Structure formats: C-alpha cells, structure tokens
Protein backbone atom coordinates (compact mmCIF):
# COMPACT_ATOMS: atom_id res chain seq x y z
CA MET A 1 0.09 -0.14 0.10
CA LYS A 2 1.39 3.29 -1.10
CA SER A 3 1.97 5.70 1.91
CA TRP A 4 1.11 9.58 1.66
CA SER A 5 3.30 12.06 3.20
CA SER A 6 1.77 14.95 5.31
CA ALA A 7 2.68 17.43 2.49
CA ALA A 8 0.67 15.38 0.00
CA TYR A 9 -2.18 15.40 2.30
CA GLY A 10 -1.98 18.97 2.79
CA ALA A 11 -1.86 19.57 -1.07
CA LEU A 12 -4.73 17.48 -1.52
CA ALA A 13 -6.74 19.40 1.12
CA LEU A 14 -5.76 22.64 -0.53
CA CYS A 15 -6.85 21.53 -3.80
CA ALA A 16 -10.20 20.54 -2.30
CA VAL A 17 -10.46 23.95 -0.89
CA PHE A 18 -9.96 25.60 -4.11
CA THR A 19 -12.29 23.13 -5.98
CA THR A 20 -14.95 23.92 -3.55
CA GLY A 21 -14.29 27.71 -3.59
CA ALA A 22 -14.38 27.74 -7.31
CA HIS A 23 -17.73 25.86 -7.40
CA ALA A 24 -19.26 28.30 -4.62
CA ALA A 25 -17.89 31.31 -6.64
CA GLU A 26 -19.84 30.60 -9.72
CA PRO A 27 -23.18 28.82 -8.88
CA GLU A 28 -25.51 27.65 -11.43
CA THR A 29 -28.37 30.17 -10.30
CA PHE A 30 -28.57 33.23 -8.40
CA LYS A 31 -30.87 32.45 -5.64
CA ILE A 32 -33.04 35.06 -3.73
CA GLY A 33 -35.06 34.28 -0.72
CA GLY A 34 -38.15 36.52 -0.49
CA VAL A 35 -39.91 36.73 2.76
CA VAL A 36 -43.07 38.91 2.70
CA SER A 37 -46.53 39.16 4.18
CA LEU A 38 -49.02 37.22 2.09
CA SER A 39 -51.50 36.98 5.18
CA GLY A 40 -52.13 38.78 8.30
CA THR A 41 -52.40 42.59 8.91
CA TYR A 42 -49.96 43.40 5.99
CA GLY A 43 -50.94 40.74 3.65
CA ILE A 44 -52.31 43.38 1.13
CA PHE A 45 -48.78 44.38 0.37
CA GLY A 46 -46.80 41.02 -0.25
CA GLU A 47 -48.23 40.15 -3.56
CA ASP A 48 -47.61 43.51 -4.90
CA MET A 49 -43.84 43.30 -3.68
CA ARG A 50 -43.68 40.04 -5.58
CA LYS A 51 -44.98 41.51 -8.77
CA GLY A 52 -42.45 44.48 -8.56
CA VAL A 53 -39.44 42.10 -8.10
CA THR A 54 -40.83 39.99 -10.87
CA VAL A 55 -40.78 42.81 -13.34
CA ALA A 56 -37.41 43.96 -12.20
CA ILE A 57 -35.96 40.52 -12.84
CA GLU A 58 -37.76 40.19 -16.19
CA GLN A 59 -36.53 43.52 -17.40
CA ARG A 60 -32.90 42.22 -17.15
CA GLY A 61 -33.67 39.10 -19.19
CA GLY A 62 -33.91 37.00 -15.99
CA LYS A 63 -30.30 36.84 -15.34
CA VAL A 64 -27.42 38.46 -13.35
CA LEU A 65 -23.75 37.70 -13.76
CA GLY A 66 -24.88 35.44 -16.75
CA LYS A 67 -26.83 33.19 -14.34
CA PRO A 68 -30.62 32.70 -14.18
CA ILE A 69 -32.28 34.35 -10.97
CA GLN A 70 -34.45 32.05 -8.92
CA VAL A 71 -36.76 33.69 -6.39
CA THR A 72 -38.35 31.51 -3.60
CA TRP A 73 -41.20 33.25 -1.97
CA GLU A 74 -42.31 32.64 1.71
CA ASP A 75 -45.27 34.15 3.78
CA ASP A 76 -44.10 35.43 7.32
CA GLU A 77 -47.85 35.86 8.05
CA THR A 78 -46.90 39.35 9.35
CA LYS A 79 -45.19 37.70 12.52
CA PRO A 80 -41.62 37.75 13.39
CA GLN A 81 -41.24 33.99 14.24
CA PRO A 82 -42.40 32.61 11.05
CA ALA A 83 -40.09 35.34 9.31
CA VAL A 84 -37.14 33.87 11.33
CA GLN A 85 -37.93 30.29 10.54
CA LYS A 86 -38.49 30.77 6.92
CA THR A 87 -35.45 32.95 6.40
CA THR A 88 -33.18 30.36 8.12
CA ARG A 89 -34.57 27.61 5.85
CA LEU A 90 -34.01 29.84 2.77
CA ILE A 91 -30.47 30.67 3.65
CA SER A 92 -29.84 26.89 4.46
CA ASP A 93 -31.11 25.95 0.90
CA GLY A 94 -28.69 28.35 -0.46
CA SER A 95 -30.16 31.98 -0.94
CA GLN A 96 -27.40 34.30 -1.75
CA MET A 97 -29.56 37.38 -0.59
CA ILE A 98 -32.77 37.97 1.41
CA PHE A 99 -35.49 40.24 0.32
CA GLY A 100 -37.98 41.45 2.86
CA ALA A 101 -39.98 41.63 4.95
CA VAL A 102 -43.09 44.08 5.38
CA SER A 103 -43.50 44.51 8.94
CA SER A 104 -40.55 46.25 10.71
CA ALA A 105 -40.76 43.57 13.50
CA SER A 106 -40.06 40.78 11.02
CA THR A 107 -37.36 42.85 9.29
CA LEU A 108 -35.57 43.32 12.58
CA ALA A 109 -35.70 39.67 13.29
CA ILE A 110 -34.35 38.70 9.70
CA MET A 111 -31.66 41.47 10.11
CA ASN A 112 -30.24 39.35 13.16
CA ILE A 113 -30.02 36.23 10.95
CA ALA A 114 -28.59 37.88 7.80
CA LYS A 115 -25.81 39.52 9.99
CA GLN A 116 -24.93 36.17 11.69
CA ARG A 117 -24.93 34.41 8.45
CA LYS A 118 -23.36 37.20 6.33
CA ILE A 119 -25.97 37.31 3.78
CA PRO A 120 -27.03 40.57 1.98
CA HIS A 121 -30.50 41.66 3.06
CA LEU A 122 -32.69 44.18 1.00
CA VAL A 123 -35.55 45.99 2.63
CA THR A 124 -38.06 47.98 0.41
CA MET A 125 -40.97 48.24 2.77
CA SER A 126 -40.40 48.39 6.57
CA ALA A 127 -39.90 51.92 7.75
CA ASP A 128 -38.79 51.57 11.40
CA ASP A 129 -35.88 53.92 12.02
CA LYS A 130 -33.88 51.15 13.82
CA ILE A 131 -33.44 49.09 10.79
CA THR A 132 -30.85 51.56 9.47
CA VAL A 133 -28.83 53.19 12.19
CA PRO A 134 -25.10 54.15 12.31
CA GLY A 135 -23.10 51.09 13.23
CA GLY A 136 -26.02 48.79 12.51
CA SER A 137 -25.84 45.77 10.28
CA ARG A 138 -23.18 45.62 7.55
CA TYR A 139 -25.54 43.35 5.64
CA THR A 140 -28.92 45.10 5.52
CA PHE A 141 -29.79 47.91 3.14
CA ARG A 142 -33.06 49.83 2.86
CA THR A 143 -33.89 51.66 -0.44
CA SER A 144 -37.44 52.84 0.64
CA ASN A 145 -38.55 55.46 3.30
CA THR A 146 -38.17 55.58 6.93
CA LEU A 147 -40.80 56.52 9.49
CA GLY A 148 -38.64 59.42 10.45
CA MET A 149 -39.00 60.96 7.17
CA GLU A 150 -42.62 60.36 6.90
CA GLN A 151 -43.27 61.52 10.40
CA ARG A 152 -41.63 64.83 9.58
CA MET A 153 -43.72 65.32 6.45
CA ALA A 154 -46.86 64.70 8.61
CA LEU A 155 -45.77 67.29 11.08
CA ALA A 156 -45.05 69.72 8.30
CA TYR A 157 -48.55 69.15 6.84
CA THR A 158 -49.96 69.77 10.43
CA LYS A 159 -48.33 73.12 10.49
CA GLU A 160 -49.11 74.01 6.98
CA GLN A 161 -52.92 73.46 7.55
CA LYS A 162 -52.61 75.33 10.80
CA LEU A 163 -54.15 72.49 12.73
CA LYS A 164 -54.46 73.24 16.37
CA ARG A 165 -55.97 70.14 18.03
CA ILE A 166 -54.89 66.59 17.00
CA TYR A 167 -56.43 63.30 18.06
CA GLY A 168 -54.02 60.40 17.36
CA VAL A 169 -54.93 56.82 16.57
CA THR A 170 -51.80 54.57 16.59
CA ALA A 171 -51.57 50.75 15.85
CA ASP A 172 -50.37 49.18 19.08
CA TYR A 173 -46.94 48.12 17.51
CA GLN A 174 -43.47 49.40 18.57
CA ALA A 175 -42.51 51.37 15.15
CA THR A 176 -45.71 53.14 14.98
CA ARG A 177 -45.66 53.76 18.86
CA ASP A 178 -42.21 55.31 18.39
CA SER A 179 -43.44 57.35 15.42
CA TRP A 180 -46.26 58.89 17.34
CA ASP A 181 -44.33 59.55 20.42
CA TRP A 182 -41.91 61.67 18.17
CA TYR A 183 -44.76 63.45 16.48
CA ARG A 184 -46.59 64.18 19.58
CA ARG A 185 -43.55 65.75 21.14
CA GLU A 186 -42.71 67.77 18.33
CA ALA A 187 -46.38 68.84 17.68
CA GLU A 188 -46.52 70.00 21.37
CA LYS A 189 -43.47 71.93 20.97
CA ALA A 190 -45.13 73.83 18.16
CA GLY A 191 -48.02 74.70 20.37
CA ILE A 192 -50.49 72.09 18.95
CA GLU A 193 -52.47 70.30 21.50
CA ILE A 194 -52.99 66.56 21.51
CA VAL A 195 -56.75 66.17 22.61
CA GLY A 196 -56.72 62.49 22.72
CA ALA A 197 -55.02 59.26 21.72
CA ASP A 198 -55.84 55.60 21.32
CA PHE A 199 -53.79 52.53 20.79
CA PRO A 200 -55.83 49.65 19.06
CA PRO A 201 -54.10 46.35 18.71
CA LEU A 202 -52.55 45.51 15.19
CA GLY A 203 -55.32 43.87 13.24
CA ASN A 204 -58.09 45.57 14.93
CA ARG A 205 -61.56 45.07 13.26
CA ASP A 206 -63.75 47.63 15.16
CA TYR A 207 -62.71 51.25 15.21
CA SER A 208 -66.41 52.57 15.62
CA SER A 209 -66.00 53.60 19.39
CA ILE A 210 -62.81 55.49 18.49
CA ALA A 211 -64.35 57.15 15.60
CA ASP A 212 -67.28 58.21 17.99
CA LYS A 213 -64.89 59.74 20.51
CA ILE A 214 -63.16 61.71 17.88
CA ALA A 215 -66.28 62.97 16.65
CA ARG A 216 -67.22 64.14 20.20
CA SER A 217 -63.88 65.78 20.53
CA ASN A 218 -62.79 69.26 19.49
CA ALA A 219 -60.12 67.89 17.24
CA ASP A 220 -59.60 69.61 13.84
CA GLY A 221 -57.12 66.80 12.74
CA VAL A 222 -56.94 63.06 13.08
CA ALA A 223 -53.52 61.67 12.88
CA LEU A 224 -53.31 58.03 12.00
CA PHE A 225 -50.37 55.98 12.53
CA MET A 226 -51.19 52.66 10.98
CA THR A 227 -51.01 51.08 7.65
CA GLY A 228 -52.22 47.81 5.85
CA SER A 229 -55.65 46.51 6.74
CA ASP A 230 -55.53 48.50 9.99
CA ALA A 231 -55.70 51.69 7.73
CA VAL A 232 -58.45 50.27 5.43
CA THR A 233 -60.62 49.40 8.40
CA MET A 234 -60.07 52.79 10.35
CA VAL A 235 -60.75 55.08 7.43
CA LYS A 236 -63.81 53.03 6.24
CA GLN A 237 -65.35 53.24 9.60
CA ALA A 238 -64.52 56.94 10.10
CA GLY A 239 -66.29 57.39 6.79
CA GLN A 240 -69.44 55.90 8.03
CA ILE A 241 -69.84 58.80 10.25
CA GLU A 242 -68.44 61.19 7.79
CA LEU A 243 -65.55 62.26 9.94
CA GLY A 244 -63.47 63.32 6.96
CA LYS A 245 -65.99 66.28 6.44
CA THR A 246 -65.19 67.91 9.66
CA ARG A 247 -61.82 66.85 10.41
CA LYS A 248 -58.55 66.60 8.45
CA ILE A 249 -57.50 62.93 8.38
CA PHE A 250 -53.86 62.17 7.68
CA GLY A 251 -50.98 60.06 8.70
CA PRO A 252 -47.31 59.27 7.92
CA VAL A 253 -48.13 56.40 5.56
CA ILE A 254 -51.92 55.88 5.95
CA ALA A 255 -52.90 56.11 2.36
CA ASP A 256 -52.02 54.83 -1.12
CA GLU A 257 -54.23 53.32 -3.87
CA THR A 258 -54.38 49.93 -2.21
CA MET A 259 -55.98 51.55 0.87
CA ALA A 260 -58.16 53.77 -1.20
CA ALA A 261 -59.54 50.86 -3.23
CA GLY A 262 -60.36 49.10 0.08
CA VAL A 263 -62.03 52.08 1.50
CA GLY A 264 -64.00 53.53 -1.45
CA PRO A 265 -65.17 57.12 -1.78
CA THR A 266 -64.95 58.23 1.73
CA SER A 267 -60.99 57.91 1.24
CA ILE A 268 -61.19 61.08 -0.81
CA GLY A 269 -59.45 63.91 0.98
CA VAL A 270 -57.22 61.60 3.17
CA GLN A 271 -53.61 62.73 3.10
CA SER A 272 -50.32 60.88 3.67
CA GLY A 273 -46.65 60.23 3.00
CA VAL A 274 -46.29 58.31 -0.26
CA ARG A 275 -43.41 55.91 -0.83
CA TYR A 276 -43.69 55.54 -4.59
CA HIS A 277 -46.10 56.84 -7.13
CA PHE A 278 -46.67 55.82 -10.74
CA THR A 279 -47.23 59.33 -11.82
CA VAL A 280 -43.53 60.45 -10.98
CA GLU A 281 -42.25 62.11 -14.11
CA ASN A 282 -39.05 60.42 -15.47
CA ALA A 283 -37.94 57.93 -18.08
CA PRO A 284 -37.33 54.95 -15.72
CA ASN A 285 -40.47 55.35 -14.03
CA LYS A 286 -42.51 55.40 -17.34
CA ALA A 287 -40.75 52.43 -18.55
CA PHE A 288 -41.52 50.37 -15.40
CA VAL A 289 -45.21 51.48 -15.40
CA GLU A 290 -45.68 50.44 -18.88
CA ALA A 291 -43.90 46.99 -18.34
CA PHE A 292 -46.13 46.63 -15.07
CA ARG A 293 -49.41 47.47 -16.81
CA LYS A 294 -48.52 45.15 -19.74
CA LYS A 295 -47.94 42.29 -17.44
CA TYR A 296 -50.44 42.76 -14.82
CA ASN A 297 -52.96 45.15 -16.45
CA GLU A 298 -52.98 47.54 -13.43
CA TYR A 299 -50.89 50.37 -12.24
CA PRO A 300 -48.24 49.66 -9.80
CA SER A 301 -48.84 50.23 -6.09
CA ALA A 302 -46.37 51.73 -3.71
CA ALA A 303 -45.21 48.52 -2.42
CA ALA A 304 -44.80 47.22 -6.01
CA GLY A 305 -42.81 50.30 -7.09
CA GLU A 306 -40.44 50.23 -4.16
CA ALA A 307 -39.87 46.54 -4.46
CA TYR A 308 -38.97 47.00 -8.20
CA ASP A 309 -36.64 50.08 -7.69
CA GLY A 310 -34.78 48.38 -4.72
CA MET A 311 -34.36 45.04 -6.49
CA SER A 312 -33.30 46.62 -9.76
CA TRP A 313 -30.78 48.72 -7.84
CA TRP A 314 -29.49 45.77 -6.10
CA LEU A 315 -29.08 43.59 -9.19
CA ASP A 316 -27.39 46.24 -11.16
CA VAL A 317 -24.73 46.70 -8.49
CA VAL A 318 -24.14 43.06 -8.26
CA GLU A 319 -23.57 43.05 -12.03
CA LYS A 320 -21.27 45.94 -11.90
CA THR A 321 -18.97 44.01 -9.39
CA GLY A 322 -18.49 41.21 -12.04
CA SER A 323 -17.92 38.86 -8.74
CA TRP A 324 -19.77 36.27 -6.83
CA ASP A 325 -18.07 37.48 -3.72
CA LYS A 326 -21.19 38.69 -1.43
CA GLU A 327 -18.69 40.92 0.46
CA LYS A 328 -17.86 42.79 -2.63
CA TRP A 329 -21.67 43.19 -3.32
CA VAL A 330 -22.07 44.76 0.30
CA ASP A 331 -19.14 47.15 -0.30
CA ALA A 332 -20.18 48.19 -3.55
CA PHE A 333 -23.90 48.92 -2.70
CA ALA A 334 -22.84 50.78 0.42
CA GLY A 335 -21.39 53.56 -1.75
CA SER A 336 -23.75 53.38 -4.73
CA VAL A 337 -25.85 56.03 -6.23
CA ARG A 338 -28.89 55.24 -8.43
CA ASP A 339 -29.46 58.12 -10.85
CA ASN A 340 -32.19 56.05 -12.70
CA SER A 341 -34.40 55.44 -9.76
CA VAL A 342 -38.23 55.51 -10.69
CA GLU A 343 -38.53 58.14 -7.80
CA GLY A 344 -35.57 60.25 -8.74
CA LYS A 345 -31.91 60.33 -7.66
CA LYS A 346 -31.18 58.02 -4.59
CA THR A 347 -27.92 57.96 -2.74
CA MET A 348 -27.13 54.94 -0.36
CA ARG A 349 -25.50 56.43 2.84
CA ALA A 350 -22.53 54.22 3.76
CA CYS A 351 -22.95 55.38 7.37
CA ASP A 352 -26.16 53.62 7.97
CA HIS A 353 -27.18 51.95 4.75
CA GLN A 354 -30.16 54.08 4.16
CA ALA A 355 -31.03 55.42 0.76
CA MET A 356 -31.27 59.26 0.70
CA GLN A 357 -34.41 60.30 -1.36
CA ASN A 358 -37.25 62.99 -1.99
CA GLY A 359 -40.15 62.51 0.33
CA LEU A 360 -43.56 62.53 -1.44
CA TRP A 361 -46.89 63.76 0.18
CA GLY A 362 -50.20 63.09 -1.49
CA VAL A 363 -53.90 63.34 -1.11
CA VAL A 364 -56.49 60.83 -2.23
CA THR A 365 -58.58 62.13 -5.16
CA ALA A 366 -61.01 60.58 -7.95
CA GLY A 367 -58.92 58.90 -10.69
CA LYS A 368 -59.39 59.43 -14.27
CA ALA A 369 -59.55 56.48 -16.66
CA PRO A 370 -57.65 54.51 -17.24
CA GLN A 371 -56.26 55.26 -13.70
CA PRO A 372 -57.89 53.41 -10.68
CA ALA A 373 -61.14 54.83 -9.23
CA TYR A 374 -59.10 56.53 -6.35
CA VAL A 375 -55.54 57.82 -6.85
CA MET A 376 -52.90 59.57 -4.84
CA ASP A 377 -52.34 63.23 -6.10
CA ILE A 378 -48.70 64.03 -5.18
CA VAL A 379 -48.95 67.63 -3.77
CA GLY A 380 -45.65 67.96 -1.87
CA VAL A 381 -42.03 67.00 -2.48
CA PHE A 382 -39.67 67.23 0.16
CA PRO A 383 -35.79 67.23 -0.66
CA PRO A 384 -33.70 64.77 1.26
CA ASP A 385 -32.10 67.38 3.63
CA GLN A 386 -35.54 68.37 4.95
CA VAL A 387 -36.64 64.60 5.89
CA PHE A 388 -33.34 63.09 6.96
CA GLU A 389 -31.12 63.94 9.81
CA PRO A 390 -27.29 63.76 9.26
CA CYS A 391 -25.72 60.41 10.21
CA ALA A 392 -24.21 60.69 13.82
CA GLY A 393 -22.47 58.25 15.90
C-alpha cells in the first residue's frame, strides 16, 4: 500500500478547498429568498412586492452575472417568528440574498439572521428607523422610506394646515408607537394640542368607538399612525360617520391606492406620505409603469414600485462587481448612487445603509380612466435634507 506524506495530504486538502471555492464562486443560479406578508395585517402588500420584483428580474432578461435568477417566496404571516424560521430555511437552501419583510418587527428579526450568516438583506417596505442606524448591520440595506422622514412630512402638513388640536390613533406596534411619540413631542413643542390618543391592537376590526370619540372631541385633525388592513378598516369606519367632512384625516403612511380601493369614496381627501407613485415624471418610471401594466393590467402600487426599484438597484450593483463574492456586493452597494431610480436620484448612505431620497406627500382624489377609481395626487415633494437627519455616531 502506498504511503502518503503529510505534505501530500496538505496539497490534496488545499486542492479540495480551491475546488469547493471555485464551485461556490460561480453557482448555477442566483438564488433570492423572499420573505413577505401574504397573510395577516400587512398581507395586502406582499403580492404587490412579488409583482415588483418579478418585473425587475424580467427587465434584465431573468439573469445576473450570466446566471438565471431564482426567487423562492415565503409568507411570514406578518409575524416575526415565521419570518425567522423561513429566512433560516431559505439561507440553508442556498439563498445568496434575502429580500423582505413587510412589517418592521419581521425585518428586524431577519436582520439578525442575515448578519450572523453574512447574507445581504434588502429592505424595500419596512420603515422603522432602527433598521438603518449608524453602526447597525453591515448586511442590511433599505432603499425605501423611513418612518422618520414620513413623520416629519406629517408634522409639516399639520403646521401648513394650521391644525391646532390633534386626535391620534396609533396601531399598538413598536414602530408606530415610536413614530407617534416623536410626532406628539414635536407637535406639542409647536403649540399644537393633543386632545386624545388611542392605541388599538394590530389587526383591530372595530374602530367605531374610537371614531365616535373623535367625533365628540374638538379635534380639527386626526393623525393615523397605521397602515395595511388597519388603515383600510379605520378610514372606512371613520367614513361611515363622515368624520372626514369635519376633520382633516392624515398620517405618515396611511394612504395609497391599495388603501383607497379598500375604503372607497370616503377615502377622498385623506392625506399621507407616499413611498412611490406611478405618476412620477421620469423615463425609468415611465418604462416601469408600462412594463407593469402590460404584465398585470394594473398600475403599480407603492409596494410594487419600491420593490421594483430596490431589486433593480441591487441587481445592477451585483452585475457591476463582476463577482460572486457577497462581501464585494455589500461594499459596492454601500457607496452606490442610483441616478435612474423610478423616484428620482437615490444615494445609499455608507454610514447607515439608508437611501437618501425625496419625500412625497399626497392626497386621495378621484382617478381618471384608465387610472384606478381613487388615486394619490402628489401635492408635496420634500428634498432629502428636509426629511433626513445627518448621520451621527
């Protein structure tokens, strides 16, 4: 029997390492793990996010770095625990990046796993400011709005409308509670009185008693810190007693076409921060809207537009690196600028991995064919320096 020297064994082991590394460096497919809400309070957003990602991938021929893109979708049910379980499984199955989630609680949970496993993580919906903080996760990036920028727009609206007495309704959820606390403090500093506040549970079905309390109050403004099915239910039940005829109803991210379609005509006049809108005038947005309408026979929602924009940006950056090294993707994205965003120019801040961008403010109006029956009319654009604080720490 032939004996092997330790040097021979070492050479063989080294060869195995290089062979394994080469195989890992150029996989057969680029695997994306998508974790979104397809059920639960935020279930109305997940399918639109899938549609936006699908168009982004199709527009580049379904490939990146010459390899076909494969997306595996999972429903986190708008709950952190399923998000953790499904993200872990997706990574174990070979996902090279994670996309999602919708709820900030799920996204924060996913962030921890992505950081531990050193897997890039793209966020295009969750808005909690804690997702992008200086010194946060190296692997998580957000290309969409923060609650901070949206609550600043809501405060600016309050002042512009000269509202003096506000009644707040906030979903009992950490991110929205934090956002309300900031708004309340800043409103009171500006001499605005908070005449009442309620914190219904996430997924609440009956807001009638809250709407009645608001109607009996002397509030001239109703600030709603909620989204998803909560927003639909609250605005619909407020409309049943015509609350919008005597008070200004608004919120950081209460309204979009999805909400308006669910509410109906009493959504007209509701004002809100807007994360993306199909009417933004630029060539990339026009091309996206045309492609989306051709495929789905509908206009893209805010959730679809943000998902498309973020995924397109990410895949373009990966392509430019010419590498399958995830660390190179992360480094490249941290210093990237997207001049051809569907929302205008976006700049990724290396300090916190948050995209600097314009803030949009809109009001629900009646749509004109072929638009949906109710659409957001963009009535305000806030430049980045008005809605983002400088990085600190």
